[in-house]
Amino acid sequence: LPLPAIFKGGGGDVHCSVISGGFHAGPVACLDVAVHRPLAVTVGKKDGLVRIWNYASRHCEIRWESQDQGDPPVSAALHPLAYYLAVSFSEKMRFYYILAKGLKLHSEFSIRGVKLMRFSNGGHLMAVAQGKFVHLFSMSTFTKVVTLQGHSHGITAMCFDPEDNSLWTCDSSGQLCEWDPLSGELHSELATAKCEYLAASSGQGSQACFSTASGNKRSLRRMQHCVQETEQDLPGNLRLACLCQYAGTHALFAGSATGVLCVFPSDSALSRFDELGLHSGPCVSIGVSADGRTLLTAGEDGAVFVLGVVGLASDDSGAAAARGDGDLELFPLA
């Protein structure tokens, strides 16, 4: 807005350019990153806004607010192609088309209390956690195909393996299940007493990493078909609330309850990691772009960080880090 326009008389409209789509006013509830387009979605826990960000240009493309003020968005998941968006509310779940300037409703399901949703890496399925149940939806027909029942307590985390051959689900009572997402059959399971699963992520077929808490003990575990391969106790009171692995590599990123980003060059050597202080509150979600060169984090301080990554992509000079032979380099993107 030009300064002389402030003192300009008359009732004419003054043109001003919008240089920012704004930010969340309060904690961010979740973050999800697309595969085929440089887009990420976040949901504001306090402002009730759904924002779709272009992390390549670093600006907010869509700011969406529900017309039903009594039932604000709770969580969201972005389809890998970034043409569909799933949004959960307290009383329902909806699928939206992503348009150039907004969202258009596609379908609605009466499913209450959904706080966790995950699209498969291929985008053909979506897993929806409702309490101790997991509903699998087909994205070709937008219908529910099966309900997975194997948990006695609320599900806290879930993830697909890179090839979508397995779906891992875990709960607050120490129950871990590996499912066949196509048939809905239970592949394997493991019950650990007095243990709470906090986060899950898979970067290799039939393998996954999990963050756990048991009393005052915090640890990272690497499993293969629910058989523990490695367990590493974490120093101090380091509680890892979210995990993210880049497909086909051993590198692991973790966000702590104090806002620190932990970088593990290899999940086979979990005792070695670097810390990067980002958020002033808990880090709630982490995502990595499909090319492995951009990492995004979201926290309860309302901030979304966009970082460049060197050493993760296969054609980087430092790609040995992804195999556990070197270090990863992270830097902020302006």
C-alpha atoms as a PDB file:
ATOM      1  CA  LEU A   1       0.000   0.000   0.000  1.00  0.00           C
ATOM      2  CA  PRO A   2       1.705   3.247  -1.107  1.00  0.00           C
ATOM      3  CA  LEU A   3       2.163   5.779   1.699  1.00  0.00           C
ATOM      4  CA  PRO A   4       0.481   8.681  -0.214  1.00  0.00           C
ATOM      5  CA  ALA A   5      -2.670   6.561  -0.502  1.00  0.00           C
ATOM      6  CA  ILE A   6      -3.143   6.826   3.256  1.00  0.00           C
ATOM      7  CA  PHE A   7      -3.680  10.577   2.928  1.00  0.00           C
ATOM      8  CA  LYS A   8      -5.566  10.389  -0.349  1.00  0.00           C
ATOM      9  CA  GLY A   9      -9.041  11.940  -0.199  1.00  0.00           C
ATOM     10  CA  GLY A  10     -12.198  10.581  -1.786  1.00  0.00           C
ATOM     11  CA  GLY A  11     -13.997   7.294  -1.484  1.00  0.00           C
ATOM     12  CA  GLY A  12     -12.193   5.373  -4.215  1.00  0.00           C
ATOM     13  CA  ASP A  13     -10.830   1.891  -3.600  1.00  0.00           C
ATOM     14  CA  VAL A  14      -7.080   1.556  -3.176  1.00  0.00           C
ATOM     15  CA  HIS A  15      -5.402  -1.507  -4.629  1.00  0.00           C
ATOM     16  CA  CYS A  16      -3.026  -3.420  -2.360  1.00  0.00           C
ATOM     17  CA  SER A  17      -1.082  -6.584  -3.098  1.00  0.00           C
ATOM     18  CA  VAL A  18      -1.279  -9.576  -0.792  1.00  0.00           C
ATOM     19  CA  ILE A  19       2.291 -10.696  -0.131  1.00  0.00           C
ATOM     20  CA  SER A  20       1.492 -13.461   2.383  1.00  0.00           C
ATOM     21  CA  GLY A  21      -1.383 -15.859   2.931  1.00  0.00           C
ATOM     22  CA  GLY A  22      -0.888 -15.625   6.657  1.00  0.00           C
ATOM     23  CA  PHE A  23       0.083 -18.171   9.267  1.00  0.00           C
ATOM     24  CA  HIS A  24      -1.619 -20.228  11.949  1.00  0.00           C
ATOM     25  CA  ALA A  25      -2.715 -18.377  15.083  1.00  0.00           C
ATOM     26  CA  GLY A  26      -1.951 -21.104  17.581  1.00  0.00           C
ATOM     27  CA  PRO A  27      -0.763 -24.725  17.619  1.00  0.00           C
ATOM     28  CA  VAL A  28      -0.573 -26.785  14.443  1.00  0.00           C
ATOM     29  CA  ALA A  29      -2.400 -30.106  14.815  1.00  0.00           C
ATOM     30  CA  CYS A  30      -0.865 -31.995  11.877  1.00  0.00           C
ATOM     31  CA  LEU A  31       1.198 -31.754   8.698  1.00  0.00           C
ATOM     32  CA  ASP A  32       1.228 -33.918   5.577  1.00  0.00           C
ATOM     33  CA  VAL A  33       3.340 -33.664   2.410  1.00  0.00           C
ATOM     34  CA  ALA A  34       2.337 -34.642  -1.140  1.00  0.00           C
ATOM     35  CA  VAL A  35       4.525 -36.670  -3.516  1.00  0.00           C
ATOM     36  CA  HIS A  36       3.872 -35.404  -7.042  1.00  0.00           C
ATOM     37  CA  ARG A  37       3.442 -31.696  -6.284  1.00  0.00           C
ATOM     38  CA  PRO A  38       5.400 -29.419  -3.902  1.00  0.00           C
ATOM     39  CA  LEU A  39       2.443 -29.042  -1.542  1.00  0.00           C
ATOM     40  CA  ALA A  40       1.905 -29.608   2.170  1.00  0.00           C
ATOM     41  CA  VAL A  41      -1.212 -29.290   4.324  1.00  0.00           C
ATOM     42  CA  THR A  42      -1.502 -28.120   7.933  1.00  0.00           C
ATOM     43  CA  VAL A  43      -4.464 -27.777  10.298  1.00  0.00           C
ATOM     44  CA  GLY A  44      -4.624 -25.147  13.021  1.00  0.00           C
ATOM     45  CA  LYS A  45      -5.778 -26.483  16.369  1.00  0.00           C
ATOM     46  CA  LYS A  46      -6.878 -23.063  17.675  1.00  0.00           C
ATOM     47  CA  ASP A  47      -7.839 -21.081  14.563  1.00  0.00           C
ATOM     48  CA  GLY A  48      -9.560 -24.064  12.874  1.00  0.00           C
ATOM     49  CA  LEU A  49      -7.961 -23.275   9.511  1.00  0.00           C
ATOM     50  CA  VAL A  50      -6.757 -25.685   6.837  1.00  0.00           C
ATOM     51  CA  ARG A  51      -3.774 -24.278   4.968  1.00  0.00           C
ATOM     52  CA  ILE A  52      -2.155 -25.708   1.840  1.00  0.00           C
ATOM     53  CA  TRP A  53       1.423 -24.531   1.384  1.00  0.00           C
ATOM     54  CA  ASN A  54       3.680 -24.526  -1.660  1.00  0.00           C
ATOM     55  CA  TYR A  55       7.025 -25.278  -0.062  1.00  0.00           C
ATOM     56  CA  ALA A  56       8.904 -24.607  -3.333  1.00  0.00           C
ATOM     57  CA  SER A  57       7.727 -20.972  -3.461  1.00  0.00           C
ATOM     58  CA  ARG A  58       7.314 -20.816   0.354  1.00  0.00           C
ATOM     59  CA  HIS A  59       3.841 -19.315   0.473  1.00  0.00           C
ATOM     60  CA  CYS A  60       0.317 -20.326   1.449  1.00  0.00           C
ATOM     61  CA  GLU A  61      -1.760 -21.160  -1.642  1.00  0.00           C
ATOM     62  CA  ILE A  62      -5.090 -21.987   0.017  1.00  0.00           C
ATOM     63  CA  ARG A  63      -6.579 -20.795   3.279  1.00  0.00           C
ATOM     64  CA  TRP A  64      -9.790 -22.705   4.000  1.00  0.00           C
ATOM     65  CA  GLU A  65     -12.214 -22.263   6.885  1.00  0.00           C
ATOM     66  CA  SER A  66     -15.147 -24.556   7.584  1.00  0.00           C
ATOM     67  CA  GLN A  67     -18.599 -23.011   7.371  1.00  0.00           C
ATOM     68  CA  ASP A  68     -19.653 -25.083  10.384  1.00  0.00           C
ATOM     69  CA  GLN A  69     -18.061 -23.140  13.232  1.00  0.00           C
ATOM     70  CA  GLY A  70     -19.334 -25.669  15.755  1.00  0.00           C
ATOM     71  CA  ASP A  71     -17.347 -28.526  14.192  1.00  0.00           C
ATOM     72  CA  PRO A  72     -13.863 -27.271  13.206  1.00  0.00           C
ATOM     73  CA  PRO A  73     -11.274 -29.463  11.428  1.00  0.00           C
ATOM     74  CA  VAL A  74      -9.281 -31.828  13.621  1.00  0.00           C
ATOM     75  CA  SER A  75      -6.834 -33.471  11.224  1.00  0.00           C
ATOM     76  CA  ALA A  76      -6.029 -33.743   7.523  1.00  0.00           C
ATOM     77  CA  ALA A  77      -4.200 -36.030   5.089  1.00  0.00           C
ATOM     78  CA  LEU A  78      -2.970 -35.062   1.622  1.00  0.00           C
ATOM     79  CA  HIS A  79      -3.243 -37.525  -1.248  1.00  0.00           C
ATOM     80  CA  PRO A  80       0.163 -38.260  -2.864  1.00  0.00           C
ATOM     81  CA  LEU A  81      -1.050 -36.718  -6.137  1.00  0.00           C
ATOM     82  CA  ALA A  82      -2.235 -33.619  -4.205  1.00  0.00           C
ATOM     83  CA  TYR A  83      -5.592 -33.495  -5.997  1.00  0.00           C
ATOM     84  CA  TYR A  84      -7.577 -34.830  -3.025  1.00  0.00           C
ATOM     85  CA  LEU A  85      -7.599 -33.878   0.627  1.00  0.00           C
ATOM     86  CA  ALA A  86      -9.111 -35.804   3.537  1.00  0.00           C
ATOM     87  CA  VAL A  87     -10.252 -33.718   6.512  1.00  0.00           C
ATOM     88  CA  SER A  88     -11.621 -35.085   9.777  1.00  0.00           C
ATOM     89  CA  PHE A  89     -13.996 -33.278  12.119  1.00  0.00           C
ATOM     90  CA  SER A  90     -15.411 -34.213  15.503  1.00  0.00           C
ATOM     91  CA  GLU A  91     -18.581 -35.645  13.946  1.00  0.00           C
ATOM     92  CA  LYS A  92     -17.548 -36.599  10.399  1.00  0.00           C
ATOM     93  CA  MET A  93     -14.851 -37.093   7.779  1.00  0.00           C
ATOM     94  CA  ARG A  94     -14.810 -35.491   4.348  1.00  0.00           C
ATOM     95  CA  PHE A  95     -12.927 -35.782   1.059  1.00  0.00           C
ATOM     96  CA  TYR A  96     -12.304 -32.576  -0.902  1.00  0.00           C
ATOM     97  CA  TYR A  97     -11.065 -31.732  -4.360  1.00  0.00           C
ATOM     98  CA  ILE A  98      -8.113 -29.319  -4.257  1.00  0.00           C
ATOM     99  CA  LEU A  99      -8.857 -26.483  -6.674  1.00  0.00           C
ATOM    100  CA  ALA A 100      -6.748 -23.504  -7.656  1.00  0.00           C
ATOM    101  CA  LYS A 101      -8.274 -21.179  -5.054  1.00  0.00           C
ATOM    102  CA  GLY A 102     -10.056 -23.417  -2.590  1.00  0.00           C
ATOM    103  CA  LEU A 103     -11.573 -26.801  -1.720  1.00  0.00           C
ATOM    104  CA  LYS A 104     -14.657 -28.478  -3.182  1.00  0.00           C
ATOM    105  CA  LEU A 105     -16.546 -31.180  -1.276  1.00  0.00           C
ATOM    106  CA  HIS A 106     -16.451 -34.630  -2.876  1.00  0.00           C
ATOM    107  CA  SER A 107     -17.969 -36.969  -0.271  1.00  0.00           C
ATOM    108  CA  GLU A 108     -18.732 -37.223   3.438  1.00  0.00           C
ATOM    109  CA  PHE A 109     -18.717 -40.095   5.944  1.00  0.00           C
ATOM    110  CA  SER A 110     -20.304 -40.151   9.392  1.00  0.00           C
ATOM    111  CA  ILE A 111     -17.223 -41.266  11.339  1.00  0.00           C
ATOM    112  CA  ARG A 112     -16.736 -39.567  14.699  1.00  0.00           C
ATOM    113  CA  GLY A 113     -13.578 -38.899  16.674  1.00  0.00           C
ATOM    114  CA  VAL A 114     -10.981 -39.359  13.911  1.00  0.00           C
ATOM    115  CA  LYS A 115      -7.638 -37.777  14.795  1.00  0.00           C
ATOM    116  CA  LEU A 116      -5.224 -39.830  12.686  1.00  0.00           C
ATOM    117  CA  MET A 117      -5.326 -40.520   8.926  1.00  0.00           C
ATOM    118  CA  ARG A 118      -2.717 -41.853   6.481  1.00  0.00           C
ATOM    119  CA  PHE A 119      -2.769 -42.308   2.709  1.00  0.00           C
ATOM    120  CA  SER A 120      -0.843 -45.242   1.303  1.00  0.00           C
ATOM    121  CA  ASN A 121       2.280 -44.295  -0.636  1.00  0.00           C
ATOM    122  CA  GLY A 122       0.620 -45.327  -3.889  1.00  0.00           C
ATOM    123  CA  GLY A 123      -2.505 -43.338  -3.031  1.00  0.00           C
ATOM    124  CA  HIS A 124      -4.908 -46.238  -3.632  1.00  0.00           C
ATOM    125  CA  LEU A 125      -5.827 -46.660   0.044  1.00  0.00           C
ATOM    126  CA  MET A 126      -6.345 -44.505   3.103  1.00  0.00           C
ATOM    127  CA  ALA A 127      -6.170 -45.676   6.715  1.00  0.00           C
ATOM    128  CA  VAL A 128      -8.401 -43.910   9.254  1.00  0.00           C
ATOM    129  CA  ALA A 129      -7.904 -44.505  12.978  1.00  0.00           C
ATOM    130  CA  GLN A 130     -11.074 -44.254  15.063  1.00  0.00           C
ATOM    131  CA  GLY A 131     -10.335 -45.143  18.659  1.00  0.00           C
ATOM    132  CA  LYS A 132      -9.092 -48.736  18.670  1.00  0.00           C
ATOM    133  CA  PHE A 133     -10.313 -49.457  15.113  1.00  0.00           C
ATOM    134  CA  VAL A 134      -8.718 -48.741  11.725  1.00  0.00           C
ATOM    135  CA  HIS A 135     -10.906 -48.252   8.649  1.00  0.00           C
ATOM    136  CA  LEU A 136      -9.384 -48.751   5.200  1.00  0.00           C
ATOM    137  CA  PHE A 137     -10.903 -46.771   2.318  1.00  0.00           C
ATOM    138  CA  SER A 138     -10.455 -47.400  -1.395  1.00  0.00           C
ATOM    139  CA  MET A 139      -9.555 -44.187  -3.209  1.00  0.00           C
ATOM    140  CA  SER A 140     -10.804 -45.513  -6.549  1.00  0.00           C
ATOM    141  CA  THR A 141     -14.370 -45.935  -5.264  1.00  0.00           C
ATOM    142  CA  PHE A 142     -14.265 -43.739  -2.104  1.00  0.00           C
ATOM    143  CA  THR A 143     -15.802 -46.540  -0.079  1.00  0.00           C
ATOM    144  CA  LYS A 144     -14.771 -48.339   3.088  1.00  0.00           C
ATOM    145  CA  VAL A 145     -13.392 -51.772   2.239  1.00  0.00           C
ATOM    146  CA  VAL A 146     -12.455 -53.247   5.629  1.00  0.00           C
ATOM    147  CA  THR A 147     -12.203 -52.460   9.336  1.00  0.00           C
ATOM    148  CA  LEU A 148      -9.131 -53.734  11.191  1.00  0.00           C
ATOM    149  CA  GLN A 149      -9.801 -54.920  14.730  1.00  0.00           C
ATOM    150  CA  GLY A 150      -6.857 -55.995  16.842  1.00  0.00           C
ATOM    151  CA  HIS A 151      -6.293 -53.294  19.433  1.00  0.00           C
ATOM    152  CA  SER A 152      -7.772 -52.959  22.900  1.00  0.00           C
ATOM    153  CA  HIS A 153      -6.769 -49.307  23.375  1.00  0.00           C
ATOM    154  CA  GLY A 154      -6.721 -46.172  21.257  1.00  0.00           C
ATOM    155  CA  ILE A 155      -4.335 -46.156  18.298  1.00  0.00           C
ATOM    156  CA  THR A 156      -1.527 -43.617  18.665  1.00  0.00           C
ATOM    157  CA  ALA A 157       0.431 -44.088  15.417  1.00  0.00           C
ATOM    158  CA  MET A 158       0.379 -45.960  12.103  1.00  0.00           C
ATOM    159  CA  CYS A 159       2.355 -46.086   8.863  1.00  0.00           C
ATOM    160  CA  PHE A 160       2.560 -47.901   5.531  1.00  0.00           C
ATOM    161  CA  ASP A 161       5.805 -49.437   4.315  1.00  0.00           C
ATOM    162  CA  PRO A 162       7.207 -47.851   1.090  1.00  0.00           C
ATOM    163  CA  GLU A 163       5.736 -50.601  -1.122  1.00  0.00           C
ATOM    164  CA  ASP A 164       2.359 -50.618   0.680  1.00  0.00           C
ATOM    165  CA  ASN A 165       2.707 -54.306   1.479  1.00  0.00           C
ATOM    166  CA  SER A 166       2.272 -53.713   5.223  1.00  0.00           C
ATOM    167  CA  LEU A 167       0.348 -51.348   7.454  1.00  0.00           C
ATOM    168  CA  TRP A 168       1.724 -50.909  10.970  1.00  0.00           C
ATOM    169  CA  THR A 169      -0.586 -49.813  13.797  1.00  0.00           C
ATOM    170  CA  CYS A 170       0.277 -49.345  17.478  1.00  0.00           C
ATOM    171  CA  ASP A 171      -1.555 -48.156  20.570  1.00  0.00           C
ATOM    172  CA  SER A 172      -1.089 -46.697  24.028  1.00  0.00           C
ATOM    173  CA  SER A 173      -1.064 -50.093  25.761  1.00  0.00           C
ATOM    174  CA  GLY A 174       1.988 -51.527  23.986  1.00  0.00           C
ATOM    175  CA  GLN A 175       0.154 -53.459  21.245  1.00  0.00           C
ATOM    176  CA  LEU A 176       1.835 -53.493  17.807  1.00  0.00           C
ATOM    177  CA  CYS A 177       0.151 -54.993  14.728  1.00  0.00           C
ATOM    178  CA  GLU A 178       1.277 -55.518  11.149  1.00  0.00           C
ATOM    179  CA  TRP A 179      -1.544 -55.885   8.609  1.00  0.00           C
ATOM    180  CA  ASP A 180      -1.927 -56.800   4.958  1.00  0.00           C
ATOM    181  CA  PRO A 181      -3.663 -53.631   3.694  1.00  0.00           C
ATOM    182  CA  LEU A 182      -5.193 -55.398   0.698  1.00  0.00           C
ATOM    183  CA  SER A 183      -6.805 -58.339   2.479  1.00  0.00           C
ATOM    184  CA  GLY A 184      -7.048 -56.879   5.983  1.00  0.00           C
ATOM    185  CA  GLU A 185      -5.356 -59.954   7.452  1.00  0.00           C
ATOM    186  CA  LEU A 186      -3.114 -59.686  10.499  1.00  0.00           C
ATOM    187  CA  HIS A 187       0.479 -60.566   9.521  1.00  0.00           C
ATOM    188  CA  SER A 188       2.085 -60.380  12.964  1.00  0.00           C
ATOM    189  CA  GLU A 189       1.661 -58.745  16.339  1.00  0.00           C
ATOM    190  CA  LEU A 190       3.608 -57.964  19.498  1.00  0.00           C
ATOM    191  CA  ALA A 191       2.382 -56.971  22.953  1.00  0.00           C
ATOM    192  CA  THR A 192       4.728 -55.190  25.364  1.00  0.00           C
ATOM    193  CA  ALA A 193       3.482 -54.574  28.892  1.00  0.00           C
ATOM    194  CA  LYS A 194       3.669 -51.098  30.411  1.00  0.00           C
ATOM    195  CA  CYS A 195       4.745 -49.547  27.104  1.00  0.00           C
ATOM    196  CA  GLU A 196       3.230 -46.740  25.052  1.00  0.00           C
ATOM    197  CA  TYR A 197       3.916 -46.313  21.351  1.00  0.00           C
ATOM    198  CA  LEU A 198       4.301 -42.637  20.444  1.00  0.00           C
ATOM    199  CA  ALA A 199       5.219 -42.586  16.737  1.00  0.00           C
ATOM    200  CA  ALA A 200       5.930 -44.881  13.785  1.00  0.00           C
ATOM    201  CA  SER A 201       7.624 -44.659  10.393  1.00  0.00           C
ATOM    202  CA  SER A 202       8.845 -47.109   7.735  1.00  0.00           C
ATOM    203  CA  GLY A 203      11.583 -46.569   5.165  1.00  0.00           C
ATOM    204  CA  GLN A 204      12.263 -50.174   4.186  1.00  0.00           C
ATOM    205  CA  GLY A 205      10.022 -53.074   3.272  1.00  0.00           C
ATOM    206  CA  SER A 206       8.907 -55.174   6.285  1.00  0.00           C
ATOM    207  CA  GLN A 207      10.850 -52.838   8.625  1.00  0.00           C
ATOM    208  CA  ALA A 208       9.671 -49.907  10.726  1.00  0.00           C
ATOM    209  CA  CYS A 209      10.955 -47.695  13.532  1.00  0.00           C
ATOM    210  CA  PHE A 210       8.930 -46.830  16.619  1.00  0.00           C
ATOM    211  CA  SER A 211       9.249 -44.315  19.433  1.00  0.00           C
ATOM    212  CA  THR A 212       8.176 -45.733  22.795  1.00  0.00           C
ATOM    213  CA  ALA A 213       7.763 -44.638  26.406  1.00  0.00           C
ATOM    214  CA  SER A 214       7.780 -46.953  29.401  1.00  0.00           C
ATOM    215  CA  GLY A 215       7.719 -45.175  32.748  1.00  0.00           C
ATOM    216  CA  ASN A 216      10.701 -42.807  32.738  1.00  0.00           C
ATOM    217  CA  LYS A 217      12.375 -44.718  29.920  1.00  0.00           C
ATOM    218  CA  ARG A 218      12.266 -43.386  26.345  1.00  0.00           C
ATOM    219  CA  SER A 219      13.567 -45.486  23.466  1.00  0.00           C
ATOM    220  CA  LEU A 220      13.665 -46.057  19.717  1.00  0.00           C
ATOM    221  CA  ARG A 221      12.980 -49.522  18.359  1.00  0.00           C
ATOM    222  CA  ARG A 222      13.504 -50.970  14.905  1.00  0.00           C
ATOM    223  CA  MET A 223      11.209 -53.895  14.089  1.00  0.00           C
ATOM    224  CA  GLN A 224      10.966 -56.413  11.285  1.00  0.00           C
ATOM    225  CA  HIS A 225       7.614 -58.194  11.145  1.00  0.00           C
ATOM    226  CA  CYS A 226       7.024 -57.270  14.819  1.00  0.00           C
ATOM    227  CA  VAL A 227      10.359 -58.835  15.815  1.00  0.00           C
ATOM    228  CA  GLN A 228      12.643 -56.348  17.539  1.00  0.00           C
ATOM    229  CA  GLU A 229      16.011 -55.934  15.809  1.00  0.00           C
ATOM    230  CA  THR A 230      17.406 -52.884  17.620  1.00  0.00           C
ATOM    231  CA  GLU A 231      16.492 -50.859  20.701  1.00  0.00           C
ATOM    232  CA  GLN A 232      18.231 -47.662  21.734  1.00  0.00           C
ATOM    233  CA  ASP A 233      17.532 -45.887  25.006  1.00  0.00           C
ATOM    234  CA  LEU A 234      17.299 -42.125  24.553  1.00  0.00           C
ATOM    235  CA  PRO A 235      19.258 -39.778  26.816  1.00  0.00           C
ATOM    236  CA  GLY A 236      17.569 -37.644  29.447  1.00  0.00           C
ATOM    237  CA  ASN A 237      13.858 -37.138  29.033  1.00  0.00           C
ATOM    238  CA  LEU A 238      13.921 -37.094  25.215  1.00  0.00           C
ATOM    239  CA  ARG A 239      10.357 -37.949  24.178  1.00  0.00           C
ATOM    240  CA  LEU A 240      10.055 -38.352  20.395  1.00  0.00           C
ATOM    241  CA  ALA A 241       6.535 -37.422  19.344  1.00  0.00           C
ATOM    242  CA  CYS A 242       6.909 -37.924  15.564  1.00  0.00           C
ATOM    243  CA  LEU A 243       9.131 -39.914  13.196  1.00  0.00           C
ATOM    244  CA  CYS A 244       9.851 -39.730   9.472  1.00  0.00           C
ATOM    245  CA  GLN A 245      11.991 -41.967   7.252  1.00  0.00           C
ATOM    246  CA  TYR A 246      12.833 -41.278   3.622  1.00  0.00           C
ATOM    247  CA  ALA A 247      11.832 -44.295   1.504  1.00  0.00           C
ATOM    248  CA  GLY A 248      14.680 -46.584   0.507  1.00  0.00           C
ATOM    249  CA  THR A 249      17.146 -45.167   3.026  1.00  0.00           C
ATOM    250  CA  HIS A 250      18.134 -45.735   6.638  1.00  0.00           C
ATOM    251  CA  ALA A 251      18.045 -42.051   7.591  1.00  0.00           C
ATOM    252  CA  LEU A 252      15.547 -41.169  10.330  1.00  0.00           C
ATOM    253  CA  PHE A 253      14.175 -37.790  11.430  1.00  0.00           C
ATOM    254  CA  ALA A 254      12.444 -37.362  14.774  1.00  0.00           C
ATOM    255  CA  GLY A 255      10.669 -34.460  16.475  1.00  0.00           C
ATOM    256  CA  SER A 256      10.768 -34.204  20.251  1.00  0.00           C
ATOM    257  CA  ALA A 257       8.285 -32.927  22.813  1.00  0.00           C
ATOM    258  CA  THR A 258      10.620 -29.979  23.454  1.00  0.00           C
ATOM    259  CA  GLY A 259      10.702 -28.886  19.795  1.00  0.00           C
ATOM    260  CA  VAL A 260      14.108 -30.354  18.922  1.00  0.00           C
ATOM    261  CA  LEU A 261      14.646 -32.047  15.554  1.00  0.00           C
ATOM    262  CA  CYS A 262      16.799 -35.174  15.941  1.00  0.00           C
ATOM    263  CA  VAL A 263      18.640 -36.428  12.844  1.00  0.00           C
ATOM    264  CA  PHE A 264      19.722 -40.078  12.806  1.00  0.00           C
ATOM    265  CA  PRO A 265      21.966 -40.791   9.769  1.00  0.00           C
ATOM    266  CA  SER A 266      21.164 -44.506  10.099  1.00  0.00           C
ATOM    267  CA  ASP A 267      18.475 -46.460  11.907  1.00  0.00           C
ATOM    268  CA  SER A 268      21.027 -49.241  12.440  1.00  0.00           C
ATOM    269  CA  ALA A 269      23.123 -46.920  14.636  1.00  0.00           C
ATOM    270  CA  LEU A 270      20.478 -45.150  16.713  1.00  0.00           C
ATOM    271  CA  SER A 271      23.000 -44.098  19.361  1.00  0.00           C
ATOM    272  CA  ARG A 272      24.438 -41.493  16.988  1.00  0.00           C
ATOM    273  CA  PHE A 273      22.299 -38.479  16.161  1.00  0.00           C
ATOM    274  CA  ASP A 274      22.420 -34.700  15.858  1.00  0.00           C
ATOM    275  CA  GLU A 275      20.017 -32.201  17.410  1.00  0.00           C
ATOM    276  CA  LEU A 276      18.648 -29.043  15.839  1.00  0.00           C
ATOM    277  CA  GLY A 277      16.558 -26.683  17.944  1.00  0.00           C
ATOM    278  CA  LEU A 278      13.568 -25.424  15.959  1.00  0.00           C
ATOM    279  CA  HIS A 279      10.269 -25.109  17.805  1.00  0.00           C
ATOM    280  CA  SER A 280       9.543 -23.436  21.122  1.00  0.00           C
ATOM    281  CA  GLY A 281       6.975 -26.148  21.847  1.00  0.00           C
ATOM    282  CA  PRO A 282       6.440 -29.808  20.922  1.00  0.00           C
ATOM    283  CA  CYS A 283       7.117 -30.826  17.323  1.00  0.00           C
ATOM    284  CA  VAL A 284       3.955 -32.594  16.155  1.00  0.00           C
ATOM    285  CA  SER A 285       4.759 -33.711  12.609  1.00  0.00           C
ATOM    286  CA  ILE A 286       7.587 -34.122  10.076  1.00  0.00           C
ATOM    287  CA  GLY A 287       7.466 -34.623   6.316  1.00  0.00           C
ATOM    288  CA  VAL A 288      10.076 -35.093   3.585  1.00  0.00           C
ATOM    289  CA  SER A 289       9.604 -34.191  -0.074  1.00  0.00           C
ATOM    290  CA  ALA A 290       9.656 -36.915  -2.737  1.00  0.00           C
ATOM    291  CA  ASP A 291      13.090 -35.867  -4.020  1.00  0.00           C
ATOM    292  CA  GLY A 292      14.596 -35.953  -0.524  1.00  0.00           C
ATOM    293  CA  ARG A 293      15.829 -32.371  -0.663  1.00  0.00           C
ATOM    294  CA  THR A 294      13.233 -30.630   1.516  1.00  0.00           C
ATOM    295  CA  LEU A 295      12.127 -31.364   5.069  1.00  0.00           C
ATOM    296  CA  LEU A 296       9.135 -29.736   6.775  1.00  0.00           C
ATOM    297  CA  THR A 297       8.234 -29.665  10.460  1.00  0.00           C
ATOM    298  CA  ALA A 298       5.191 -28.328  12.307  1.00  0.00           C
ATOM    299  CA  GLY A 299       4.864 -27.581  16.001  1.00  0.00           C
ATOM    300  CA  GLU A 300       2.519 -26.476  18.732  1.00  0.00           C
ATOM    301  CA  ASP A 301       4.153 -23.038  18.617  1.00  0.00           C
ATOM    302  CA  GLY A 302       2.277 -22.469  15.334  1.00  0.00           C
ATOM    303  CA  ALA A 303       5.426 -22.474  13.196  1.00  0.00           C
ATOM    304  CA  VAL A 304       6.122 -24.468  10.040  1.00  0.00           C
ATOM    305  CA  PHE A 305       9.820 -24.825   9.220  1.00  0.00           C
ATOM    306  CA  VAL A 306      11.110 -25.594   5.718  1.00  0.00           C
ATOM    307  CA  LEU A 307      14.654 -26.974   5.632  1.00  0.00           C
ATOM    308  CA  GLY A 308      16.926 -28.012   2.786  1.00  0.00           C
ATOM    309  CA  VAL A 309      18.547 -31.446   3.014  1.00  0.00           C
ATOM    310  CA  VAL A 310      21.856 -32.553   1.471  1.00  0.00           C
ATOM    311  CA  GLY A 311      22.917 -36.194   1.539  1.00  0.00           C
ATOM    312  CA  LEU A 312      19.539 -37.873   1.308  1.00  0.00           C
ATOM    313  CA  ALA A 313      18.761 -37.910  -2.420  1.00  0.00           C
ATOM    314  CA  SER A 314      20.472 -40.644  -4.448  1.00  0.00           C
ATOM    315  CA  ASP A 315      22.320 -38.194  -6.712  1.00  0.00           C
ATOM    316  CA  ASP A 316      23.635 -35.945  -3.913  1.00  0.00           C
ATOM    317  CA  SER A 317      27.362 -35.920  -3.371  1.00  0.00           C
ATOM    318  CA  GLY A 318      26.783 -36.819   0.250  1.00  0.00           C
ATOM    319  CA  ALA A 319      24.256 -39.579  -0.385  1.00  0.00           C
ATOM    320  CA  ALA A 320      26.391 -41.992   1.615  1.00  0.00           C
ATOM    321  CA  ALA A 321      24.589 -40.630   4.671  1.00  0.00           C
ATOM    322  CA  ALA A 322      21.386 -42.269   3.546  1.00  0.00           C
ATOM    323  CA  ARG A 323      23.174 -45.611   3.675  1.00  0.00           C
ATOM    324  CA  GLY A 324      24.582 -44.835   7.113  1.00  0.00           C
ATOM    325  CA  ASP A 325      28.102 -44.020   5.849  1.00  0.00           C
ATOM    326  CA  GLY A 326      28.088 -40.255   6.325  1.00  0.00           C
ATOM    327  CA  ASP A 327      26.251 -37.252   7.728  1.00  0.00           C
ATOM    328  CA  LEU A 328      23.220 -35.309   6.611  1.00  0.00           C
ATOM    329  CA  GLU A 329      23.332 -31.562   6.208  1.00  0.00           C
ATOM    330  CA  LEU A 330      20.248 -29.449   6.952  1.00  0.00           C
ATOM    331  CA  PHE A 331      19.885 -25.720   6.329  1.00  0.00           C
ATOM    332  CA  PRO A 332      16.957 -23.256   6.434  1.00  0.00           C
ATOM    333  CA  LEU A 333      15.366 -22.201   3.168  1.00  0.00           C
ATOM    334  CA  ALA A 334      14.639 -18.476   2.903  1.00  0.00           C
END
